[in-house]
């Protein structure tokens, strides 16, 4: 009688891989900004010269007065065109 040994089958190893979770993407929007247009401040009236009225400016020989010049003020510029005592 001959006995032949059959090897036992090798154990089977089963590895179950769990899929990695999908990466989470968070998108944050920056708050909306509004552009504010630049508004120039009104010109500063020079107080180094003051004329009570256009007659005084003419008597001083400085009429007409232009905006930005010493002595110009909006009260002397009736039509608000930037030239007083015209």
PDB file of N, CA and C in Angstrom:
ATOM      1  N   UNK A   1       0.816  -1.121   0.000  1.00  0.00           N
ATOM      2  CA  UNK A   1       0.000   0.000   0.000  1.00  0.00           C
ATOM      3  C   UNK A   1       0.895   1.230   0.000  1.00  0.00           C
ATOM      4  N   UNK A   2       0.573   2.049  -0.851  1.00  0.00           N
ATOM      5  CA  UNK A   2       1.343   3.269  -0.966  1.00  0.00           C
ATOM      6  C   UNK A   2       0.426   4.419  -0.550  1.00  0.00           C
ATOM      7  N   UNK A   3       0.955   5.200   0.316  1.00  0.00           N
ATOM      8  CA  UNK A   3       0.168   6.360   0.785  1.00  0.00           C
ATOM      9  C   UNK A   3       0.852   7.609   0.223  1.00  0.00           C
ATOM     10  N   UNK A   4       0.094   8.341  -0.452  1.00  0.00           N
ATOM     11  CA  UNK A   4       0.619   9.582  -1.007  1.00  0.00           C
ATOM     12  C   UNK A   4      -0.050  10.730  -0.251  1.00  0.00           C
ATOM     13  N   UNK A   5       0.780  11.575   0.246  1.00  0.00           N
ATOM     14  CA  UNK A   5       0.234  12.701   1.012  1.00  0.00           C
ATOM     15  C   UNK A   5      -0.059  13.857   0.057  1.00  0.00           C
ATOM     16  N   UNK A   6      -1.200  14.365   0.165  1.00  0.00           N
ATOM     17  CA  UNK A   6      -1.571  15.533  -0.621  1.00  0.00           C
ATOM     18  C   UNK A   6      -1.442  16.744   0.300  1.00  0.00           C
ATOM     19  N   UNK A   7      -0.704  17.672  -0.173  1.00  0.00           N
ATOM     20  CA  UNK A   7      -0.560  18.830   0.705  1.00  0.00           C
ATOM     21  C   UNK A   7      -1.897  19.545   0.883  1.00  0.00           C
ATOM     22  N   UNK A   8      -2.064  20.059   2.060  1.00  0.00           N
ATOM     23  CA  UNK A   8      -3.297  20.803   2.371  1.00  0.00           C
ATOM     24  C   UNK A   8      -3.264  22.114   1.583  1.00  0.00           C
ATOM     25  N   UNK A   9      -4.396  22.518   1.129  1.00  0.00           N
ATOM     26  CA  UNK A   9      -4.391  23.773   0.372  1.00  0.00           C
ATOM     27  C   UNK A   9      -3.889  24.923   1.242  1.00  0.00           C
ATOM     28  N   UNK A  10      -3.171  25.813   0.612  1.00  0.00           N
ATOM     29  CA  UNK A  10      -2.644  26.968   1.344  1.00  0.00           C
ATOM     30  C   UNK A  10      -3.812  27.836   1.785  1.00  0.00           C
ATOM     31  N   UNK A  11      -3.673  28.412   2.964  1.00  0.00           N
ATOM     32  CA  UNK A  11      -4.778  29.263   3.422  1.00  0.00           C
ATOM     33  C   UNK A  11      -4.919  30.486   2.504  1.00  0.00           C
ATOM     34  N   UNK A  12      -6.131  30.878   2.260  1.00  0.00           N
ATOM     35  CA  UNK A  12      -6.411  32.024   1.413  1.00  0.00           C
ATOM     36  C   UNK A  12      -6.592  33.241   2.310  1.00  0.00           C
ATOM     37  N   UNK A  13      -5.830  34.270   1.999  1.00  0.00           N
ATOM     38  CA  UNK A  13      -5.929  35.505   2.773  1.00  0.00           C
ATOM     39  C   UNK A  13      -6.690  36.507   1.914  1.00  0.00           C
ATOM     40  N   UNK A  14      -7.777  36.990   2.452  1.00  0.00           N
ATOM     41  CA  UNK A  14      -8.583  37.970   1.739  1.00  0.00           C
ATOM     42  C   UNK A  14      -8.457  39.301   2.478  1.00  0.00           C
ATOM     43  N   UNK A  15      -8.006  40.312   1.748  1.00  0.00           N
ATOM     44  CA  UNK A  15      -7.894  41.653   2.335  1.00  0.00           C
ATOM     45  C   UNK A  15      -8.960  42.509   1.673  1.00  0.00           C
ATOM     46  N   UNK A  16      -9.830  43.034   2.504  1.00  0.00           N
ATOM     47  CA  UNK A  16     -10.880  43.902   1.989  1.00  0.00           C
ATOM     48  C   UNK A  16     -10.435  45.342   2.219  1.00  0.00           C
ATOM     49  N   UNK A  17     -10.228  46.054   1.140  1.00  0.00           N
ATOM     50  CA  UNK A  17      -9.799  47.447   1.243  1.00  0.00           C
ATOM     51  C   UNK A  17     -11.037  48.330   1.240  1.00  0.00           C
ATOM     52  N   UNK A  18     -11.099  49.214   2.212  1.00  0.00           N
ATOM     53  CA  UNK A  18     -12.206  50.167   2.238  1.00  0.00           C
ATOM     54  C   UNK A  18     -11.752  51.397   1.460  1.00  0.00           C
ATOM     55  N   UNK A  19     -12.598  51.880   0.596  1.00  0.00           N
ATOM     56  CA  UNK A  19     -12.179  53.044  -0.192  1.00  0.00           C
ATOM     57  C   UNK A  19     -11.971  54.260   0.711  1.00  0.00           C
ATOM     58  N   UNK A  20     -10.958  55.033   0.382  1.00  0.00           N
ATOM     59  CA  UNK A  20     -10.681  56.258   1.150  1.00  0.00           C
ATOM     60  C   UNK A  20     -11.803  57.255   0.892  1.00  0.00           C
ATOM     61  N   UNK A  21     -12.201  57.986   1.931  1.00  0.00           N
ATOM     62  CA  UNK A  21     -13.274  58.963   1.714  1.00  0.00           C
ATOM     63  C   UNK A  21     -12.803  60.052   0.749  1.00  0.00           C
ATOM     64  N   UNK A  22     -13.722  60.530  -0.037  1.00  0.00           N
ATOM     65  CA  UNK A  22     -13.403  61.590  -0.995  1.00  0.00           C
ATOM     66  C   UNK A  22     -13.010  62.846  -0.228  1.00  0.00           C
ATOM     67  N   UNK A  23     -12.013  63.574  -0.714  1.00  0.00           N
ATOM     68  CA  UNK A  23     -11.611  64.798  -0.003  1.00  0.00           C
ATOM     69  C   UNK A  23     -12.745  65.828  -0.018  1.00  0.00           C
ATOM     70  N   UNK A  24     -12.857  66.542   1.078  1.00  0.00           N
ATOM     71  CA  UNK A  24     -13.881  67.570   1.199  1.00  0.00           C
ATOM     72  C   UNK A  24     -13.276  68.897   0.755  1.00  0.00           C
ATOM     73  N   UNK A  25     -13.931  69.562  -0.162  1.00  0.00           N
ATOM     74  CA  UNK A  25     -13.462  70.850  -0.667  1.00  0.00           C
ATOM     75  C   UNK A  25     -14.446  71.914  -0.205  1.00  0.00           C
ATOM     76  N   UNK A  26     -13.936  72.914   0.499  1.00  0.00           N
ATOM     77  CA  UNK A  26     -14.772  74.013   0.962  1.00  0.00           C
ATOM     78  C   UNK A  26     -14.346  75.272   0.222  1.00  0.00           C
ATOM     79  N   UNK A  27     -15.293  75.916  -0.431  1.00  0.00           N
ATOM     80  CA  UNK A  27     -15.012  77.152  -1.161  1.00  0.00           C
ATOM     81  C   UNK A  27     -15.664  78.290  -0.393  1.00  0.00           C
ATOM     82  N   UNK A  28     -14.841  79.231   0.017  1.00  0.00           N
ATOM     83  CA  UNK A  28     -15.340  80.389   0.746  1.00  0.00           C
ATOM     84  C   UNK A  28     -15.181  81.604  -0.149  1.00  0.00           C
ATOM     85  N   UNK A  29     -16.269  82.275  -0.413  1.00  0.00           N
ATOM     86  CA  UNK A  29     -16.210  83.474  -1.250  1.00  0.00           C
ATOM     87  C   UNK A  29     -15.909  84.672  -0.364  1.00  0.00           C
ATOM     88  N   UNK A  30     -15.060  85.539  -0.869  1.00  0.00           N
ATOM     89  CA  UNK A  30     -14.742  86.768  -0.147  1.00  0.00           C
ATOM     90  C   UNK A  30     -15.961  87.678  -0.193  1.00  0.00           C
ATOM     91  N   UNK A  31     -16.170  88.446   0.865  1.00  0.00           N
ATOM     92  CA  UNK A  31     -17.320  89.353   0.846  1.00  0.00           C
ATOM     93  C   UNK A  31     -17.193  90.362  -0.293  1.00  0.00           C
ATOM     94  N   UNK A  32     -18.298  90.668  -0.882  1.00  0.00           N
ATOM     95  CA  UNK A  32     -18.311  91.616  -1.999  1.00  0.00           C
ATOM     96  C   UNK A  32     -17.927  93.004  -1.501  1.00  0.00           C
ATOM     97  N   UNK A  33     -17.114  93.677  -2.275  1.00  0.00           N
ATOM     98  CA  UNK A  33     -16.733  95.043  -1.920  1.00  0.00           C
ATOM     99  C   UNK A  33     -17.260  95.983  -2.986  1.00  0.00           C
ATOM    100  N   UNK A  34     -17.594  97.154  -2.557  1.00  0.00           N
ATOM    101  CA  UNK A  34     -18.078  98.171  -3.489  1.00  0.00           C
ATOM    102  C   UNK A  34     -17.053  99.267  -3.601  1.00  0.00           C
ATOM    103  N   UNK A  35     -16.740  99.619  -4.814  1.00  0.00           N
ATOM    104  CA  UNK A  35     -15.801 100.712  -5.027  1.00  0.00           C
ATOM    105  C   UNK A  35     -16.532 102.027  -4.785  1.00  0.00           C
ATOM    106  N   UNK A  36     -15.929 102.841  -3.967  1.00  0.00           N
ATOM    107  CA  UNK A  36     -16.512 104.146  -3.671  1.00  0.00           C
ATOM    108  C   UNK A  36     -15.742 105.180  -4.478  1.00  0.00           C
ATOM    109  N   UNK A  37     -16.436 105.938  -5.309  1.00  0.00           N
ATOM    110  CA  UNK A  37     -15.721 106.931  -6.113  1.00  0.00           C
ATOM    111  C   UNK A  37     -15.110 108.010  -5.223  1.00  0.00           C
ATOM    112  N   UNK A  38     -13.954 108.478  -5.641  1.00  0.00           N
ATOM    113  CA  UNK A  38     -13.272 109.526  -4.892  1.00  0.00           C
ATOM    114  C   UNK A  38     -13.976 110.852  -5.139  1.00  0.00           C
ATOM    115  N   UNK A  39     -14.284 111.528  -4.070  1.00  0.00           N
ATOM    116  CA  UNK A  39     -14.896 112.848  -4.169  1.00  0.00           C
ATOM    117  C   UNK A  39     -13.929 113.826  -3.520  1.00  0.00           C
ATOM    118  N   UNK A  40     -13.448 114.760  -4.302  1.00  0.00           N
ATOM    119  CA  UNK A  40     -12.498 115.738  -3.786  1.00  0.00           C
ATOM    120  C   UNK A  40     -13.205 116.669  -2.806  1.00  0.00           C
ATOM    121  N   UNK A  41     -12.546 116.989  -1.710  1.00  0.00           N
ATOM    122  CA  UNK A  41     -13.154 117.922  -0.768  1.00  0.00           C
ATOM    123  C   UNK A  41     -13.261 119.307  -1.399  1.00  0.00           C
ATOM    124  N   UNK A  42     -14.206 120.098  -0.937  1.00  0.00           N
ATOM    125  CA  UNK A  42     -14.324 121.443  -1.504  1.00  0.00           C
ATOM    126  C   UNK A  42     -13.055 122.239  -1.219  1.00  0.00           C
ATOM    127  N   UNK A  43     -12.701 123.134  -2.100  1.00  0.00           N
ATOM    128  CA  UNK A  43     -11.477 123.906  -1.883  1.00  0.00           C
ATOM    129  C   UNK A  43     -11.579 124.737  -0.607  1.00  0.00           C
ATOM    130  N   UNK A  44     -10.472 124.804   0.062  1.00  0.00           N
ATOM    131  CA  UNK A  44     -10.420 125.587   1.295  1.00  0.00           C
ATOM    132  C   UNK A  44     -10.271 127.051   0.909  1.00  0.00           C
ATOM    133  N   UNK A  45     -11.148 127.848   1.455  1.00  0.00           N
ATOM    134  CA  UNK A  45     -11.080 129.276   1.146  1.00  0.00           C
ATOM    135  C   UNK A  45      -9.972 129.902   1.979  1.00  0.00           C
ATOM    136  N   UNK A  46      -9.074 130.582   1.316  1.00  0.00           N
ATOM    137  CA  UNK A  46      -7.944 131.207   1.991  1.00  0.00           C
ATOM    138  C   UNK A  46      -8.451 132.380   2.823  1.00  0.00           C
ATOM    139  N   UNK A  47      -8.152 132.336   4.088  1.00  0.00           N
ATOM    140  CA  UNK A  47      -8.646 133.399   4.963  1.00  0.00           C
ATOM    141  C   UNK A  47      -7.603 134.497   5.176  1.00  0.00           C
ATOM    142  N   UNK A  48      -6.485 134.449   4.423  1.00  0.00           N
ATOM    143  CA  UNK A  48      -5.473 135.480   4.613  1.00  0.00           C
ATOM    144  C   UNK A  48      -5.926 136.814   4.021  1.00  0.00           C
ATOM    145  N   UNK A  49      -6.878 136.774   3.095  1.00  0.00           N
ATOM    146  CA  UNK A  49      -7.439 138.000   2.530  1.00  0.00           C
ATOM    147  C   UNK A  49      -8.950 137.872   2.610  1.00  0.00           C
ATOM    148  N   UNK A  50      -9.606 138.925   3.015  1.00  0.00           N
ATOM    149  CA  UNK A  50     -11.068 138.896   3.125  1.00  0.00           C
ATOM    150  C   UNK A  50     -11.612 140.198   2.565  1.00  0.00           C
ATOM    151  N   UNK A  51     -12.593 140.057   1.702  1.00  0.00           N
ATOM    152  CA  UNK A  51     -13.258 141.230   1.142  1.00  0.00           C
ATOM    153  C   UNK A  51     -14.728 141.110   1.494  1.00  0.00           C
ATOM    154  N   UNK A  52     -15.262 142.136   2.116  1.00  0.00           N
ATOM    155  CA  UNK A  52     -16.660 142.107   2.556  1.00  0.00           C
ATOM    156  C   UNK A  52     -17.602 141.977   1.373  1.00  0.00           C
ATOM    157  N   UNK A  53     -17.224 142.576   0.251  1.00  0.00           N
ATOM    158  CA  UNK A  53     -18.066 142.499  -0.945  1.00  0.00           C
ATOM    159  C   UNK A  53     -17.188 142.753  -2.168  1.00  0.00           C
ATOM    160  N   UNK A  54     -17.801 142.686  -3.322  1.00  0.00           N
ATOM    161  CA  UNK A  54     -17.037 142.863  -4.560  1.00  0.00           C
ATOM    162  C   UNK A  54     -16.516 144.290  -4.712  1.00  0.00           C
ATOM    163  N   UNK A  55     -17.245 145.257  -4.169  1.00  0.00           N
ATOM    164  CA  UNK A  55     -16.763 146.643  -4.239  1.00  0.00           C
ATOM    165  C   UNK A  55     -15.432 146.762  -3.503  1.00  0.00           C
ATOM    166  N   UNK A  56     -15.305 146.079  -2.371  1.00  0.00           N
ATOM    167  CA  UNK A  56     -14.056 146.114  -1.607  1.00  0.00           C
ATOM    168  C   UNK A  56     -12.940 145.404  -2.381  1.00  0.00           C
ATOM    169  N   UNK A  57     -13.268 144.304  -3.059  1.00  0.00           N
ATOM    170  CA  UNK A  57     -12.265 143.584  -3.851  1.00  0.00           C
ATOM    171  C   UNK A  57     -11.809 144.439  -5.033  1.00  0.00           C
ATOM    172  N   UNK A  58     -12.765 145.131  -5.670  1.00  0.00           N
ATOM    173  CA  UNK A  58     -12.401 146.005  -6.794  1.00  0.00           C
ATOM    174  C   UNK A  58     -11.546 147.174  -6.307  1.00  0.00           C
ATOM    175  N   UNK A  59     -11.905 147.728  -5.142  1.00  0.00           N
ATOM    176  CA  UNK A  59     -11.142 148.853  -4.585  1.00  0.00           C
ATOM    177  C   UNK A  59      -9.708 148.431  -4.267  1.00  0.00           C
ATOM    178  N   UNK A  60      -9.530 147.155  -3.894  1.00  0.00           N
ATOM    179  CA  UNK A  60      -8.188 146.651  -3.588  1.00  0.00           C
ATOM    180  C   UNK A  60      -7.435 146.272  -4.861  1.00  0.00           C
ATOM    181  N   UNK A  61      -8.137 146.300  -6.002  1.00  0.00           N
ATOM    182  CA  UNK A  61      -7.497 145.996  -7.278  1.00  0.00           C
ATOM    183  C   UNK A  61      -7.271 144.505  -7.524  1.00  0.00           C
ATOM    184  N   UNK A  62      -8.059 143.656  -6.863  1.00  0.00           N
ATOM    185  CA  UNK A  62      -7.852 142.209  -7.030  1.00  0.00           C
ATOM    186  C   UNK A  62      -8.992 141.527  -7.778  1.00  0.00           C
ATOM    187  N   UNK A  63     -10.023 142.266  -8.164  1.00  0.00           N
ATOM    188  CA  UNK A  63     -11.163 141.647  -8.851  1.00  0.00           C
ATOM    189  C   UNK A  63     -10.798 141.450 -10.315  1.00  0.00           C
ATOM    190  N   UNK A  64     -11.204 140.434 -10.971  1.00  0.00           N
ATOM    191  CA  UNK A  64     -12.001 139.324 -10.441  1.00  0.00           C
ATOM    192  C   UNK A  64     -11.134 138.334  -9.650  1.00  0.00           C
ATOM    193  N   UNK A  65     -11.766 137.657  -8.710  1.00  0.00           N
ATOM    194  CA  UNK A  65     -11.094 136.646  -7.886  1.00  0.00           C
ATOM    195  C   UNK A  65     -11.449 135.265  -8.430  1.00  0.00           C
ATOM    196  N   UNK A  66     -10.449 134.447  -8.591  1.00  0.00           N
ATOM    197  CA  UNK A  66     -10.696 133.081  -9.069  1.00  0.00           C
ATOM    198  C   UNK A  66     -10.602 132.100  -7.910  1.00  0.00           C
ATOM    199  N   UNK A  67     -11.372 131.001  -8.046  1.00  0.00           N
ATOM    200  CA  UNK A  67     -11.379 129.966  -7.010  1.00  0.00           C
ATOM    201  C   UNK A  67      -9.945 129.520  -6.754  1.00  0.00           C
ATOM    202  N   UNK A  68      -9.559 129.483  -5.479  1.00  0.00           N
ATOM    203  CA  UNK A  68      -8.211 129.093  -5.096  1.00  0.00           C
ATOM    204  C   UNK A  68      -7.316 130.279  -4.799  1.00  0.00           C
ATOM    205  N   UNK A  69      -7.711 131.468  -5.238  1.00  0.00           N
ATOM    206  CA  UNK A  69      -6.913 132.659  -4.964  1.00  0.00           C
ATOM    207  C   UNK A  69      -7.281 133.217  -3.594  1.00  0.00           C
ATOM    208  N   UNK A  70      -6.322 133.894  -2.942  1.00  0.00           N
ATOM    209  CA  UNK A  70      -6.633 134.517  -1.653  1.00  0.00           C
ATOM    210  C   UNK A  70      -7.774 135.522  -1.804  1.00  0.00           C
ATOM    211  N   UNK A  71      -8.714 135.476  -0.888  1.00  0.00           N
ATOM    212  CA  UNK A  71      -9.849 136.391  -0.905  1.00  0.00           C
ATOM    213  C   UNK A  71     -11.077 135.832  -1.591  1.00  0.00           C
ATOM    214  N   UNK A  72     -10.901 134.793  -2.423  1.00  0.00           N
ATOM    215  CA  UNK A  72     -12.074 134.193  -3.076  1.00  0.00           C
ATOM    216  C   UNK A  72     -12.913 133.488  -2.019  1.00  0.00           C
ATOM    217  N   UNK A  73     -14.205 133.663  -2.128  1.00  0.00           N
ATOM    218  CA  UNK A  73     -15.144 132.879  -1.322  1.00  0.00           C
ATOM    219  C   UNK A  73     -16.421 132.751  -2.119  1.00  0.00           C
ATOM    220  N   UNK A  74     -17.125 131.674  -1.877  1.00  0.00           N
ATOM    221  CA  UNK A  74     -18.299 131.362  -2.687  1.00  0.00           C
ATOM    222  C   UNK A  74     -19.388 132.424  -2.565  1.00  0.00           C
ATOM    223  N   UNK A  75     -19.428 133.169  -1.465  1.00  0.00           N
ATOM    224  CA  UNK A  75     -20.447 134.211  -1.307  1.00  0.00           C
ATOM    225  C   UNK A  75     -20.253 135.337  -2.331  1.00  0.00           C
ATOM    226  N   UNK A  76     -19.044 135.521  -2.823  1.00  0.00           N
ATOM    227  CA  UNK A  76     -18.780 136.566  -3.813  1.00  0.00           C
ATOM    228  C   UNK A  76     -18.985 136.063  -5.248  1.00  0.00           C
ATOM    229  N   UNK A  77     -19.151 134.759  -5.411  1.00  0.00           N
ATOM    230  CA  UNK A  77     -19.306 134.149  -6.739  1.00  0.00           C
ATOM    231  C   UNK A  77     -20.783 133.831  -6.952  1.00  0.00           C
ATOM    232  N   UNK A  78     -21.542 134.805  -7.473  1.00  0.00           N
ATOM    233  CA  UNK A  78     -23.001 134.649  -7.595  1.00  0.00           C
ATOM    234  C   UNK A  78     -23.413 133.517  -8.514  1.00  0.00           C
ATOM    235  N   UNK A  79     -22.718 133.326  -9.624  1.00  0.00           N
ATOM    236  CA  UNK A  79     -23.139 132.280 -10.562  1.00  0.00           C
ATOM    237  C   UNK A  79     -22.367 130.971 -10.371  1.00  0.00           C
ATOM    238  N   UNK A  80     -21.538 130.907  -9.352  1.00  0.00           N
ATOM    239  CA  UNK A  80     -20.808 129.693  -8.971  1.00  0.00           C
ATOM    240  C   UNK A  80     -20.010 129.106 -10.144  1.00  0.00           C
ATOM    241  N   UNK A  81     -19.350 129.990 -10.898  1.00  0.00           N
ATOM    242  CA  UNK A  81     -18.540 129.515 -12.016  1.00  0.00           C
ATOM    243  C   UNK A  81     -17.054 129.510 -11.685  1.00  0.00           C
ATOM    244  N   UNK A  82     -16.725 129.813 -10.431  1.00  0.00           N
ATOM    245  CA  UNK A  82     -15.327 129.811 -10.019  1.00  0.00           C
ATOM    246  C   UNK A  82     -14.654 131.155 -10.143  1.00  0.00           C
ATOM    247  N   UNK A  83     -15.390 132.163 -10.601  1.00  0.00           N
ATOM    248  CA  UNK A  83     -14.837 133.511 -10.720  1.00  0.00           C
ATOM    249  C   UNK A  83     -15.763 134.451  -9.962  1.00  0.00           C
ATOM    250  N   UNK A  84     -15.228 135.105  -8.939  1.00  0.00           N
ATOM    251  CA  UNK A  84     -16.029 136.026  -8.127  1.00  0.00           C
ATOM    252  C   UNK A  84     -15.757 137.464  -8.553  1.00  0.00           C
ATOM    253  N   UNK A  85     -16.737 138.290  -8.347  1.00  0.00           N
ATOM    254  CA  UNK A  85     -16.624 139.732  -8.620  1.00  0.00           C
ATOM    255  C   UNK A  85     -16.250 140.013 -10.077  1.00  0.00           C
ATOM    256  N   UNK A  86     -16.913 139.349 -11.008  1.00  0.00           N
ATOM    257  CA  UNK A  86     -16.618 139.551 -12.421  1.00  0.00           C
ATOM    258  C   UNK A  86     -17.336 140.754 -12.953  1.00  0.00           C
TER     259      UNK A  86
END
